[in-house]
Amino acid sequence: MNLLDSKIRDGEFKLLLPYKTPFVLGHDVAGIVTKVGPKANKFKVGDEVYARPADFHIGTFAEYIAVDERDLAPKPKNLTMEEAASIPLVGLTAWQALVEKMNIQKGQNIFIQAGSGGVGTFAIQLAKHLGAFVATTTSAANSDLVKSLGADVVIDYKTQDFETILSDYDFVLNSQDTKTLEKSLNILKPNGKVVSISGPPDVEFANEVGLSWFVKIIMRLLSFGIKEKVKKLHLNYNFLFMRAEGKQLNEITALIEAGKIRPIVDKIFPFEQTNEALAYVESGRAKGKVVIKVK
């Protein structure tokens, strides 16, 4: 389960994802192939797989779902179905931010916000695998968890201000509100880069996904303030709305099977308690991921 599910349910992404109701939510899945389409040849019936289905083809809060084979990857052999189901969206988000957008190199440093969350727990491990020095924020109760994942600097967001502790960083992975995003700019070195997965979306993103001229104008207005601040500070800003990508999931599978990255699953709910599970995700108390299991 992901906060994205509740945001789409509440209409927060209607501009980007104009779903027509009613529709089934759910952006992560792990399961067994039961049927194969006539043009699909990468998988066979009985294969254990996992995926983040593409936008407009979501619907994993169900017993069955049809998924394009390009979005699928073999499930990591060393994970349970529940563990595997927790990986795709956050794994691809971290991969596309750290590898594609940032191209992190060994010895560089990165500030990853909300280190004990779903994206944070994965991104810390990926950043360490890439050779980066990692700072993160979390509560004191989750300090040991993020340290065990590889975080070098752990900041208690309840009692400390990261802006007064960190400086001269290469990258920021922003997942919080606009105020936190703006504060994060002050810890970056010249030509540093912030990649935001929580907005605001920008024109570059609109061009990437081929949105209309009208939507591009709206996004230009939404991102104007942050773009101006970034320009004055000689920094770089990118908005990331992750995409489904089976090939990248294969890379992630290899890292998991090699023991480089491990899933962090907080709670597993039965399918009948999907609403309760989503409410728990929305509460912000989850450490890592929340999973629902279909019997």
C-alpha atoms as a PDB file:
ATOM      1  CA  MET A   1       0.000   0.000   0.000  1.00  0.00           C
ATOM      2  CA  ASN A   2       1.130   3.541  -0.654  1.00  0.00           C
ATOM      3  CA  LEU A   3       0.114   7.071   0.233  1.00  0.00           C
ATOM      4  CA  LEU A   4      -0.336   7.481  -3.515  1.00  0.00           C
ATOM      5  CA  ASP A   5      -3.456   5.303  -3.222  1.00  0.00           C
ATOM      6  CA  SER A   6      -5.143   7.641  -0.759  1.00  0.00           C
ATOM      7  CA  LYS A   7      -4.026  10.716  -2.711  1.00  0.00           C
ATOM      8  CA  ILE A   8      -5.575   9.359  -5.916  1.00  0.00           C
ATOM      9  CA  ARG A   9      -8.721   8.348  -4.012  1.00  0.00           C
ATOM     10  CA  ASP A  10      -8.998  11.916  -2.712  1.00  0.00           C
ATOM     11  CA  GLY A  11      -8.478  13.438  -6.168  1.00  0.00           C
ATOM     12  CA  GLU A  12      -5.111  15.087  -5.474  1.00  0.00           C
ATOM     13  CA  PHE A  13      -3.628  13.918  -8.791  1.00  0.00           C
ATOM     14  CA  LYS A  14      -6.664  14.452 -11.029  1.00  0.00           C
ATOM     15  CA  LEU A  15      -4.621  16.792 -13.206  1.00  0.00           C
ATOM     16  CA  LEU A  16      -2.029  14.084 -13.888  1.00  0.00           C
ATOM     17  CA  LEU A  17      -4.196  10.987 -13.574  1.00  0.00           C
ATOM     18  CA  PRO A  18      -7.806  11.706 -14.545  1.00  0.00           C
ATOM     19  CA  TYR A  19      -9.238   8.323 -13.546  1.00  0.00           C
ATOM     20  CA  LYS A  20     -12.919   7.737 -14.195  1.00  0.00           C
ATOM     21  CA  THR A  21     -14.797   6.364 -11.201  1.00  0.00           C
ATOM     22  CA  PRO A  22     -15.389   3.707 -10.148  1.00  0.00           C
ATOM     23  CA  PHE A  23     -11.920   2.157 -10.346  1.00  0.00           C
ATOM     24  CA  VAL A  24      -9.802  -0.198  -8.238  1.00  0.00           C
ATOM     25  CA  LEU A  25      -6.842   1.254  -6.336  1.00  0.00           C
ATOM     26  CA  GLY A  26      -3.486  -0.430  -5.754  1.00  0.00           C
ATOM     27  CA  HIS A  27      -0.019   0.172  -7.249  1.00  0.00           C
ATOM     28  CA  ASP A  28       2.026  -2.815  -5.999  1.00  0.00           C
ATOM     29  CA  VAL A  29       1.558  -6.516  -6.551  1.00  0.00           C
ATOM     30  CA  ALA A  30       3.296  -9.855  -6.061  1.00  0.00           C
ATOM     31  CA  GLY A  31       1.688 -13.076  -7.184  1.00  0.00           C
ATOM     32  CA  ILE A  32       1.627 -16.058  -9.512  1.00  0.00           C
ATOM     33  CA  VAL A  33       0.889 -15.917 -13.241  1.00  0.00           C
ATOM     34  CA  THR A  34      -2.407 -17.718 -13.924  1.00  0.00           C
ATOM     35  CA  LYS A  35      -2.909 -16.807 -17.594  1.00  0.00           C
ATOM     36  CA  VAL A  36      -0.731 -15.447 -20.404  1.00  0.00           C
ATOM     37  CA  GLY A  37      -1.910 -13.342 -23.339  1.00  0.00           C
ATOM     38  CA  PRO A  38      -1.310 -14.527 -26.924  1.00  0.00           C
ATOM     39  CA  LYS A  39       1.435 -11.922 -27.560  1.00  0.00           C
ATOM     40  CA  ALA A  40       3.188 -12.282 -24.195  1.00  0.00           C
ATOM     41  CA  ASN A  41       6.297 -14.480 -24.190  1.00  0.00           C
ATOM     42  CA  LYS A  42       8.449 -13.386 -21.225  1.00  0.00           C
ATOM     43  CA  PHE A  43       6.519 -15.287 -18.556  1.00  0.00           C
ATOM     44  CA  LYS A  44       4.579 -18.523 -18.250  1.00  0.00           C
ATOM     45  CA  VAL A  45       1.777 -19.833 -16.061  1.00  0.00           C
ATOM     46  CA  GLY A  46       3.108 -20.605 -12.590  1.00  0.00           C
ATOM     47  CA  ASP A  47       5.870 -17.964 -12.556  1.00  0.00           C
ATOM     48  CA  GLU A  48       6.208 -15.965  -9.347  1.00  0.00           C
ATOM     49  CA  VAL A  49       6.350 -12.273 -10.274  1.00  0.00           C
ATOM     50  CA  TYR A  50       6.017  -8.760  -8.907  1.00  0.00           C
ATOM     51  CA  ALA A  51       5.257  -5.384 -10.453  1.00  0.00           C
ATOM     52  CA  ARG A  52       4.144  -1.793 -10.249  1.00  0.00           C
ATOM     53  CA  PRO A  53       1.423  -1.789 -12.942  1.00  0.00           C
ATOM     54  CA  ALA A  54       1.482   1.199 -15.269  1.00  0.00           C
ATOM     55  CA  ASP A  55      -0.706   4.234 -14.628  1.00  0.00           C
ATOM     56  CA  PHE A  56      -4.291   3.742 -15.880  1.00  0.00           C
ATOM     57  CA  HIS A  57      -3.741  -0.020 -15.496  1.00  0.00           C
ATOM     58  CA  ILE A  58      -3.558  -0.106 -11.704  1.00  0.00           C
ATOM     59  CA  GLY A  59      -5.929  -2.100  -9.479  1.00  0.00           C
ATOM     60  CA  THR A  60      -3.892  -4.428  -7.276  1.00  0.00           C
ATOM     61  CA  PHE A  61      -6.387  -4.302  -4.378  1.00  0.00           C
ATOM     62  CA  ALA A  62      -8.012  -7.353  -5.937  1.00  0.00           C
ATOM     63  CA  GLU A  63      -7.614 -11.095  -6.329  1.00  0.00           C
ATOM     64  CA  TYR A  64      -6.578 -10.853 -10.000  1.00  0.00           C
ATOM     65  CA  ILE A  65      -5.100  -8.181 -12.238  1.00  0.00           C
ATOM     66  CA  ALA A  66      -3.902  -8.090 -15.856  1.00  0.00           C
ATOM     67  CA  VAL A  67      -0.399  -6.587 -16.112  1.00  0.00           C
ATOM     68  CA  ASP A  68       1.665  -5.752 -19.193  1.00  0.00           C
ATOM     69  CA  GLU A  69       4.680  -8.080 -19.308  1.00  0.00           C
ATOM     70  CA  ARG A  70       6.963  -5.035 -19.717  1.00  0.00           C
ATOM     71  CA  ASP A  71       6.024  -3.987 -16.176  1.00  0.00           C
ATOM     72  CA  LEU A  72       6.686  -7.409 -14.616  1.00  0.00           C
ATOM     73  CA  ALA A  73       9.827  -8.949 -13.150  1.00  0.00           C
ATOM     74  CA  PRO A  74      10.569 -12.297 -11.499  1.00  0.00           C
ATOM     75  CA  LYS A  75       9.960 -12.140  -7.754  1.00  0.00           C
ATOM     76  CA  PRO A  76      13.202 -12.173  -5.732  1.00  0.00           C
ATOM     77  CA  LYS A  77      13.765 -15.798  -4.701  1.00  0.00           C
ATOM     78  CA  ASN A  78      14.742 -14.873  -1.148  1.00  0.00           C
ATOM     79  CA  LEU A  79      11.549 -12.904  -0.399  1.00  0.00           C
ATOM     80  CA  THR A  80       8.065 -13.960   0.630  1.00  0.00           C
ATOM     81  CA  MET A  81       5.146 -12.767  -1.481  1.00  0.00           C
ATOM     82  CA  GLU A  82       4.319 -10.203   1.195  1.00  0.00           C
ATOM     83  CA  GLU A  83       7.883  -8.847   1.245  1.00  0.00           C
ATOM     84  CA  ALA A  84       8.024  -8.740  -2.556  1.00  0.00           C
ATOM     85  CA  ALA A  85       4.722  -6.855  -2.762  1.00  0.00           C
ATOM     86  CA  SER A  86       6.229  -4.072  -0.648  1.00  0.00           C
ATOM     87  CA  ILE A  87       9.029  -3.332  -3.110  1.00  0.00           C
ATOM     88  CA  PRO A  88       7.985  -2.194  -6.629  1.00  0.00           C
ATOM     89  CA  LEU A  89       6.683   1.370  -6.208  1.00  0.00           C
ATOM     90  CA  VAL A  90       9.190   2.493  -3.580  1.00  0.00           C
ATOM     91  CA  GLY A  91      12.019   0.589  -5.243  1.00  0.00           C
ATOM     92  CA  LEU A  92      11.376   2.128  -8.649  1.00  0.00           C
ATOM     93  CA  THR A  93      10.898   5.561  -7.085  1.00  0.00           C
ATOM     94  CA  ALA A  94      14.277   5.355  -5.359  1.00  0.00           C
ATOM     95  CA  TRP A  95      15.963   3.921  -8.469  1.00  0.00           C
ATOM     96  CA  GLN A  96      14.619   6.584 -10.804  1.00  0.00           C
ATOM     97  CA  ALA A  97      15.526   9.350  -8.346  1.00  0.00           C
ATOM     98  CA  LEU A  98      19.018   8.206  -7.343  1.00  0.00           C
ATOM     99  CA  VAL A  99      20.207   6.437 -10.503  1.00  0.00           C
ATOM    100  CA  GLU A 100      18.364   8.220 -13.335  1.00  0.00           C
ATOM    101  CA  LYS A 101      17.852  11.768 -12.052  1.00  0.00           C
ATOM    102  CA  MET A 102      20.858  12.147  -9.745  1.00  0.00           C
ATOM    103  CA  ASN A 103      23.355   9.629 -11.167  1.00  0.00           C
ATOM    104  CA  ILE A 104      24.887   9.345  -7.697  1.00  0.00           C
ATOM    105  CA  GLN A 105      28.588   8.501  -7.657  1.00  0.00           C
ATOM    106  CA  LYS A 106      30.739   7.022  -4.926  1.00  0.00           C
ATOM    107  CA  GLY A 107      31.754   9.620  -2.345  1.00  0.00           C
ATOM    108  CA  GLN A 108      28.878  12.011  -2.969  1.00  0.00           C
ATOM    109  CA  ASN A 109      26.419  12.856  -0.192  1.00  0.00           C
ATOM    110  CA  ILE A 110      22.638  12.847  -0.110  1.00  0.00           C
ATOM    111  CA  PHE A 111      19.950  13.963   2.312  1.00  0.00           C
ATOM    112  CA  ILE A 112      16.984  11.559   2.255  1.00  0.00           C
ATOM    113  CA  GLN A 113      13.962  12.864   4.130  1.00  0.00           C
ATOM    114  CA  ALA A 114      11.712  10.584   6.216  1.00  0.00           C
ATOM    115  CA  GLY A 115      14.192   7.728   6.387  1.00  0.00           C
ATOM    116  CA  SER A 116      11.886   5.277   8.152  1.00  0.00           C
ATOM    117  CA  GLY A 117       9.124   5.569   5.545  1.00  0.00           C
ATOM    118  CA  GLY A 118       8.562   3.312   2.551  1.00  0.00           C
ATOM    119  CA  VAL A 119      10.689   5.246   0.050  1.00  0.00           C
ATOM    120  CA  GLY A 120      13.195   6.269   2.720  1.00  0.00           C
ATOM    121  CA  THR A 121      14.035   2.754   3.904  1.00  0.00           C
ATOM    122  CA  PHE A 122      14.714   1.652   0.329  1.00  0.00           C
ATOM    123  CA  ALA A 123      16.506   4.827  -0.790  1.00  0.00           C
ATOM    124  CA  ILE A 124      18.957   4.725   2.135  1.00  0.00           C
ATOM    125  CA  GLN A 125      20.019   1.192   1.210  1.00  0.00           C
ATOM    126  CA  LEU A 126      20.306   1.998  -2.501  1.00  0.00           C
ATOM    127  CA  ALA A 127      22.332   5.142  -1.803  1.00  0.00           C
ATOM    128  CA  LYS A 128      24.751   3.187   0.381  1.00  0.00           C
ATOM    129  CA  HIS A 129      25.081   0.526  -2.314  1.00  0.00           C
ATOM    130  CA  LEU A 130      25.998   3.310  -4.766  1.00  0.00           C
ATOM    131  CA  GLY A 131      28.704   4.512  -2.369  1.00  0.00           C
ATOM    132  CA  ALA A 132      27.040   7.681  -1.066  1.00  0.00           C
ATOM    133  CA  PHE A 133      27.191   9.284   2.377  1.00  0.00           C
ATOM    134  CA  VAL A 134      23.614   9.431   3.691  1.00  0.00           C
ATOM    135  CA  ALA A 135      21.845  11.787   6.092  1.00  0.00           C
ATOM    136  CA  THR A 136      18.205  11.317   7.008  1.00  0.00           C
ATOM    137  CA  THR A 137      15.440  12.459   9.322  1.00  0.00           C
ATOM    138  CA  THR A 138      13.257  10.282  11.527  1.00  0.00           C
ATOM    139  CA  SER A 139      11.955  10.104  15.082  1.00  0.00           C
ATOM    140  CA  ALA A 140      14.170   8.933  17.940  1.00  0.00           C
ATOM    141  CA  ALA A 141      12.159   5.703  18.098  1.00  0.00           C
ATOM    142  CA  ASN A 142      13.213   4.816  14.535  1.00  0.00           C
ATOM    143  CA  SER A 143      16.839   5.920  14.808  1.00  0.00           C
ATOM    144  CA  ASP A 144      18.220   2.386  15.196  1.00  0.00           C
ATOM    145  CA  LEU A 145      16.231   1.192  12.182  1.00  0.00           C
ATOM    146  CA  VAL A 146      17.629   3.779   9.763  1.00  0.00           C
ATOM    147  CA  LYS A 147      21.142   3.289  11.155  1.00  0.00           C
ATOM    148  CA  SER A 148      20.829  -0.438  10.469  1.00  0.00           C
ATOM    149  CA  LEU A 149      19.972   0.397   6.856  1.00  0.00           C
ATOM    150  CA  GLY A 150      23.170   2.433   6.490  1.00  0.00           C
ATOM    151  CA  ALA A 151      22.307   6.034   7.392  1.00  0.00           C
ATOM    152  CA  ASP A 152      25.475   7.916   8.420  1.00  0.00           C
ATOM    153  CA  VAL A 153      23.771  10.958   9.974  1.00  0.00           C
ATOM    154  CA  VAL A 154      20.395  10.583  11.703  1.00  0.00           C
ATOM    155  CA  ILE A 155      18.465  13.729  12.651  1.00  0.00           C
ATOM    156  CA  ASP A 156      15.520  13.634  15.060  1.00  0.00           C
ATOM    157  CA  TYR A 157      13.016  15.831  13.237  1.00  0.00           C
ATOM    158  CA  LYS A 158      11.099  16.440  16.478  1.00  0.00           C
ATOM    159  CA  THR A 159      14.006  18.035  18.359  1.00  0.00           C
ATOM    160  CA  GLN A 160      16.567  18.987  15.691  1.00  0.00           C
ATOM    161  CA  ASP A 161      16.633  21.222  12.611  1.00  0.00           C
ATOM    162  CA  PHE A 162      18.399  19.566   9.665  1.00  0.00           C
ATOM    163  CA  GLU A 163      19.067  22.992   8.141  1.00  0.00           C
ATOM    164  CA  THR A 164      21.452  23.860  11.004  1.00  0.00           C
ATOM    165  CA  ILE A 165      23.209  20.467  10.953  1.00  0.00           C
ATOM    166  CA  LEU A 166      23.730  19.688   7.260  1.00  0.00           C
ATOM    167  CA  SER A 167      25.622  21.699   4.641  1.00  0.00           C
ATOM    168  CA  ASP A 168      27.411  21.310   1.314  1.00  0.00           C
ATOM    169  CA  TYR A 169      25.357  18.321   0.147  1.00  0.00           C
ATOM    170  CA  ASP A 170      25.212  17.101  -3.441  1.00  0.00           C
ATOM    171  CA  PHE A 171      21.624  15.846  -3.443  1.00  0.00           C
ATOM    172  CA  VAL A 172      18.298  16.001  -1.619  1.00  0.00           C
ATOM    173  CA  LEU A 173      15.464  13.507  -2.040  1.00  0.00           C
ATOM    174  CA  ASN A 174      12.406  15.513  -0.999  1.00  0.00           C
ATOM    175  CA  SER A 175       9.232  13.727   0.068  1.00  0.00           C
ATOM    176  CA  GLN A 176       7.766  16.329   2.410  1.00  0.00           C
ATOM    177  CA  ASP A 177       5.897  19.627   2.186  1.00  0.00           C
ATOM    178  CA  THR A 178       6.872  22.857   0.413  1.00  0.00           C
ATOM    179  CA  LYS A 179       8.344  24.403   3.570  1.00  0.00           C
ATOM    180  CA  THR A 180      10.703  21.442   4.029  1.00  0.00           C
ATOM    181  CA  LEU A 181      11.591  21.533   0.335  1.00  0.00           C
ATOM    182  CA  GLU A 182      12.579  25.211   0.551  1.00  0.00           C
ATOM    183  CA  LYS A 183      14.664  24.608   3.694  1.00  0.00           C
ATOM    184  CA  SER A 184      16.404  21.730   1.919  1.00  0.00           C
ATOM    185  CA  LEU A 185      17.750  24.095  -0.748  1.00  0.00           C
ATOM    186  CA  ASN A 186      19.923  25.755   1.885  1.00  0.00           C
ATOM    187  CA  ILE A 187      21.940  22.601   2.602  1.00  0.00           C
ATOM    188  CA  LEU A 188      22.990  22.029  -1.015  1.00  0.00           C
ATOM    189  CA  LYS A 189      26.305  23.048  -2.561  1.00  0.00           C
ATOM    190  CA  PRO A 190      26.306  25.133  -5.784  1.00  0.00           C
ATOM    191  CA  ASN A 191      24.981  23.051  -8.699  1.00  0.00           C
ATOM    192  CA  GLY A 192      23.496  20.598  -6.219  1.00  0.00           C
ATOM    193  CA  LYS A 193      20.226  18.912  -7.113  1.00  0.00           C
ATOM    194  CA  VAL A 194      16.937  18.298  -5.346  1.00  0.00           C
ATOM    195  CA  VAL A 195      14.585  15.638  -6.675  1.00  0.00           C
ATOM    196  CA  SER A 196      11.076  15.917  -5.247  1.00  0.00           C
ATOM    197  CA  ILE A 197       8.522  13.119  -5.243  1.00  0.00           C
ATOM    198  CA  SER A 198       5.909  15.259  -3.481  1.00  0.00           C
ATOM    199  CA  GLY A 199       5.782  18.250  -5.821  1.00  0.00           C
ATOM    200  CA  PRO A 200       5.458  20.746  -7.151  1.00  0.00           C
ATOM    201  CA  PRO A 201       5.396  19.243 -10.659  1.00  0.00           C
ATOM    202  CA  ASP A 202       7.285  21.254 -13.288  1.00  0.00           C
ATOM    203  CA  VAL A 203       7.225  21.843 -17.037  1.00  0.00           C
ATOM    204  CA  GLU A 204      10.091  19.418 -17.635  1.00  0.00           C
ATOM    205  CA  PHE A 205       7.969  16.647 -16.141  1.00  0.00           C
ATOM    206  CA  ALA A 206       4.984  17.709 -18.246  1.00  0.00           C
ATOM    207  CA  ASN A 207       7.166  17.482 -21.370  1.00  0.00           C
ATOM    208  CA  GLU A 208       8.494  14.051 -20.347  1.00  0.00           C
ATOM    209  CA  VAL A 209       5.032  12.530 -20.112  1.00  0.00           C
ATOM    210  CA  GLY A 210       3.501  14.498 -22.986  1.00  0.00           C
ATOM    211  CA  LEU A 211       0.886  16.510 -21.122  1.00  0.00           C
ATOM    212  CA  SER A 212      -1.211  19.173 -22.854  1.00  0.00           C
ATOM    213  CA  TRP A 213      -0.168  22.820 -23.247  1.00  0.00           C
ATOM    214  CA  PHE A 214      -2.861  23.820 -20.741  1.00  0.00           C
ATOM    215  CA  VAL A 215      -1.483  21.478 -18.081  1.00  0.00           C
ATOM    216  CA  LYS A 216       2.038  22.723 -18.854  1.00  0.00           C
ATOM    217  CA  ILE A 217       0.932  26.283 -18.094  1.00  0.00           C
ATOM    218  CA  ILE A 218      -0.558  25.171 -14.771  1.00  0.00           C
ATOM    219  CA  MET A 219       2.631  23.321 -13.851  1.00  0.00           C
ATOM    220  CA  ARG A 220       4.737  26.320 -14.765  1.00  0.00           C
ATOM    221  CA  LEU A 221       2.679  28.366 -12.309  1.00  0.00           C
ATOM    222  CA  LEU A 222       2.810  25.691  -9.607  1.00  0.00           C
ATOM    223  CA  SER A 223       6.593  25.385  -9.786  1.00  0.00           C
ATOM    224  CA  PHE A 224       7.395  29.074 -10.407  1.00  0.00           C
ATOM    225  CA  GLY A 225       8.280  29.870  -6.791  1.00  0.00           C
ATOM    226  CA  ILE A 226      10.642  26.949  -6.250  1.00  0.00           C
ATOM    227  CA  LYS A 227      12.198  27.404  -9.693  1.00  0.00           C
ATOM    228  CA  GLU A 228      13.022  31.030  -8.912  1.00  0.00           C
ATOM    229  CA  LYS A 229      14.640  30.079  -5.587  1.00  0.00           C
ATOM    230  CA  VAL A 230      16.632  27.296  -7.247  1.00  0.00           C
ATOM    231  CA  LYS A 231      17.838  29.654  -9.979  1.00  0.00           C
ATOM    232  CA  LYS A 232      19.044  32.271  -7.488  1.00  0.00           C
ATOM    233  CA  LEU A 233      20.971  29.626  -5.526  1.00  0.00           C
ATOM    234  CA  HIS A 234      22.474  28.055  -8.695  1.00  0.00           C
ATOM    235  CA  LEU A 235      20.845  24.699  -7.982  1.00  0.00           C
ATOM    236  CA  ASN A 236      18.845  22.148  -9.961  1.00  0.00           C
ATOM    237  CA  TYR A 237      15.283  20.942  -9.370  1.00  0.00           C
ATOM    238  CA  ASN A 238      13.418  17.921 -10.770  1.00  0.00           C
ATOM    239  CA  PHE A 239       9.968  16.584  -9.989  1.00  0.00           C
ATOM    240  CA  LEU A 240       9.651  12.785 -10.167  1.00  0.00           C
ATOM    241  CA  PHE A 241       6.431  10.858 -10.647  1.00  0.00           C
ATOM    242  CA  MET A 242       7.742   7.331 -10.955  1.00  0.00           C
ATOM    243  CA  ARG A 243       6.791   5.077 -13.849  1.00  0.00           C
ATOM    244  CA  ALA A 244       6.336   1.324 -14.188  1.00  0.00           C
ATOM    245  CA  GLU A 245       9.497  -0.354 -15.498  1.00  0.00           C
ATOM    246  CA  GLY A 246      10.083  -4.121 -15.489  1.00  0.00           C
ATOM    247  CA  LYS A 247      13.725  -3.833 -16.589  1.00  0.00           C
ATOM    248  CA  GLN A 248      14.577  -1.690 -13.573  1.00  0.00           C
ATOM    249  CA  LEU A 249      12.734  -4.124 -11.310  1.00  0.00           C
ATOM    250  CA  ASN A 250      15.054  -6.828 -12.636  1.00  0.00           C
ATOM    251  CA  GLU A 251      18.018  -4.729 -11.466  1.00  0.00           C
ATOM    252  CA  ILE A 252      16.366  -4.331  -8.070  1.00  0.00           C
ATOM    253  CA  THR A 253      15.712  -8.074  -7.888  1.00  0.00           C
ATOM    254  CA  ALA A 254      19.427  -8.710  -8.408  1.00  0.00           C
ATOM    255  CA  LEU A 255      20.335  -6.357  -5.542  1.00  0.00           C
ATOM    256  CA  ILE A 256      17.820  -7.992  -3.211  1.00  0.00           C
ATOM    257  CA  GLU A 257      18.964 -11.515  -4.047  1.00  0.00           C
ATOM    258  CA  ALA A 258      22.580 -10.405  -3.481  1.00  0.00           C
ATOM    259  CA  GLY A 259      21.631  -9.174   0.000  1.00  0.00           C
ATOM    260  CA  LYS A 260      22.337  -5.514  -0.795  1.00  0.00           C
ATOM    261  CA  ILE A 261      18.781  -4.356  -0.044  1.00  0.00           C
ATOM    262  CA  ARG A 262      16.143  -5.828   2.248  1.00  0.00           C
ATOM    263  CA  PRO A 263      12.446  -4.990   2.480  1.00  0.00           C
ATOM    264  CA  ILE A 264      11.078  -3.351   5.619  1.00  0.00           C
ATOM    265  CA  VAL A 265       7.498  -4.474   6.244  1.00  0.00           C
ATOM    266  CA  ASP A 266       5.661  -3.002   9.223  1.00  0.00           C
ATOM    267  CA  LYS A 267       2.266  -4.736   9.134  1.00  0.00           C
ATOM    268  CA  ILE A 268       0.373  -7.241   7.001  1.00  0.00           C
ATOM    269  CA  PHE A 269      -3.409  -6.859   6.900  1.00  0.00           C
ATOM    270  CA  PRO A 270      -5.932  -9.366   5.523  1.00  0.00           C
ATOM    271  CA  PHE A 271      -7.648  -8.307   2.303  1.00  0.00           C
ATOM    272  CA  GLU A 272     -10.891  -7.736   4.196  1.00  0.00           C
ATOM    273  CA  GLN A 273      -9.184  -4.947   6.188  1.00  0.00           C
ATOM    274  CA  THR A 274      -7.934  -2.950   3.198  1.00  0.00           C
ATOM    275  CA  ASN A 275      -9.612   0.248   4.441  1.00  0.00           C
ATOM    276  CA  GLU A 276      -8.025  -0.124   7.877  1.00  0.00           C
ATOM    277  CA  ALA A 277      -4.641  -0.745   6.270  1.00  0.00           C
ATOM    278  CA  LEU A 278      -4.909   2.403   4.166  1.00  0.00           C
ATOM    279  CA  ALA A 279      -5.903   4.402   7.239  1.00  0.00           C
ATOM    280  CA  TYR A 280      -2.778   3.104   8.985  1.00  0.00           C
ATOM    281  CA  VAL A 281      -0.616   4.231   6.053  1.00  0.00           C
ATOM    282  CA  GLU A 282      -2.242   7.663   6.176  1.00  0.00           C
ATOM    283  CA  SER A 283      -1.504   7.951   9.908  1.00  0.00           C
ATOM    284  CA  GLY A 284       2.220   8.257   9.133  1.00  0.00           C
ATOM    285  CA  ARG A 285       3.153   5.768  11.864  1.00  0.00           C
ATOM    286  CA  ALA A 286       4.275   2.956   9.579  1.00  0.00           C
ATOM    287  CA  LYS A 287       7.920   1.856   9.588  1.00  0.00           C
ATOM    288  CA  GLY A 288       8.618   0.842   6.025  1.00  0.00           C
ATOM    289  CA  LYS A 289       5.686  -0.684   4.162  1.00  0.00           C
ATOM    290  CA  VAL A 290       2.169  -1.942   4.830  1.00  0.00           C
ATOM    291  CA  VAL A 291       0.907  -4.948   2.861  1.00  0.00           C
ATOM    292  CA  ILE A 292      -2.491  -6.549   2.323  1.00  0.00           C
ATOM    293  CA  LYS A 293      -2.724 -10.297   1.742  1.00  0.00           C
ATOM    294  CA  VAL A 294      -5.366 -12.083  -0.293  1.00  0.00           C
ATOM    295  CA  LYS A 295      -6.018 -15.559   1.078  1.00  0.00           C
END
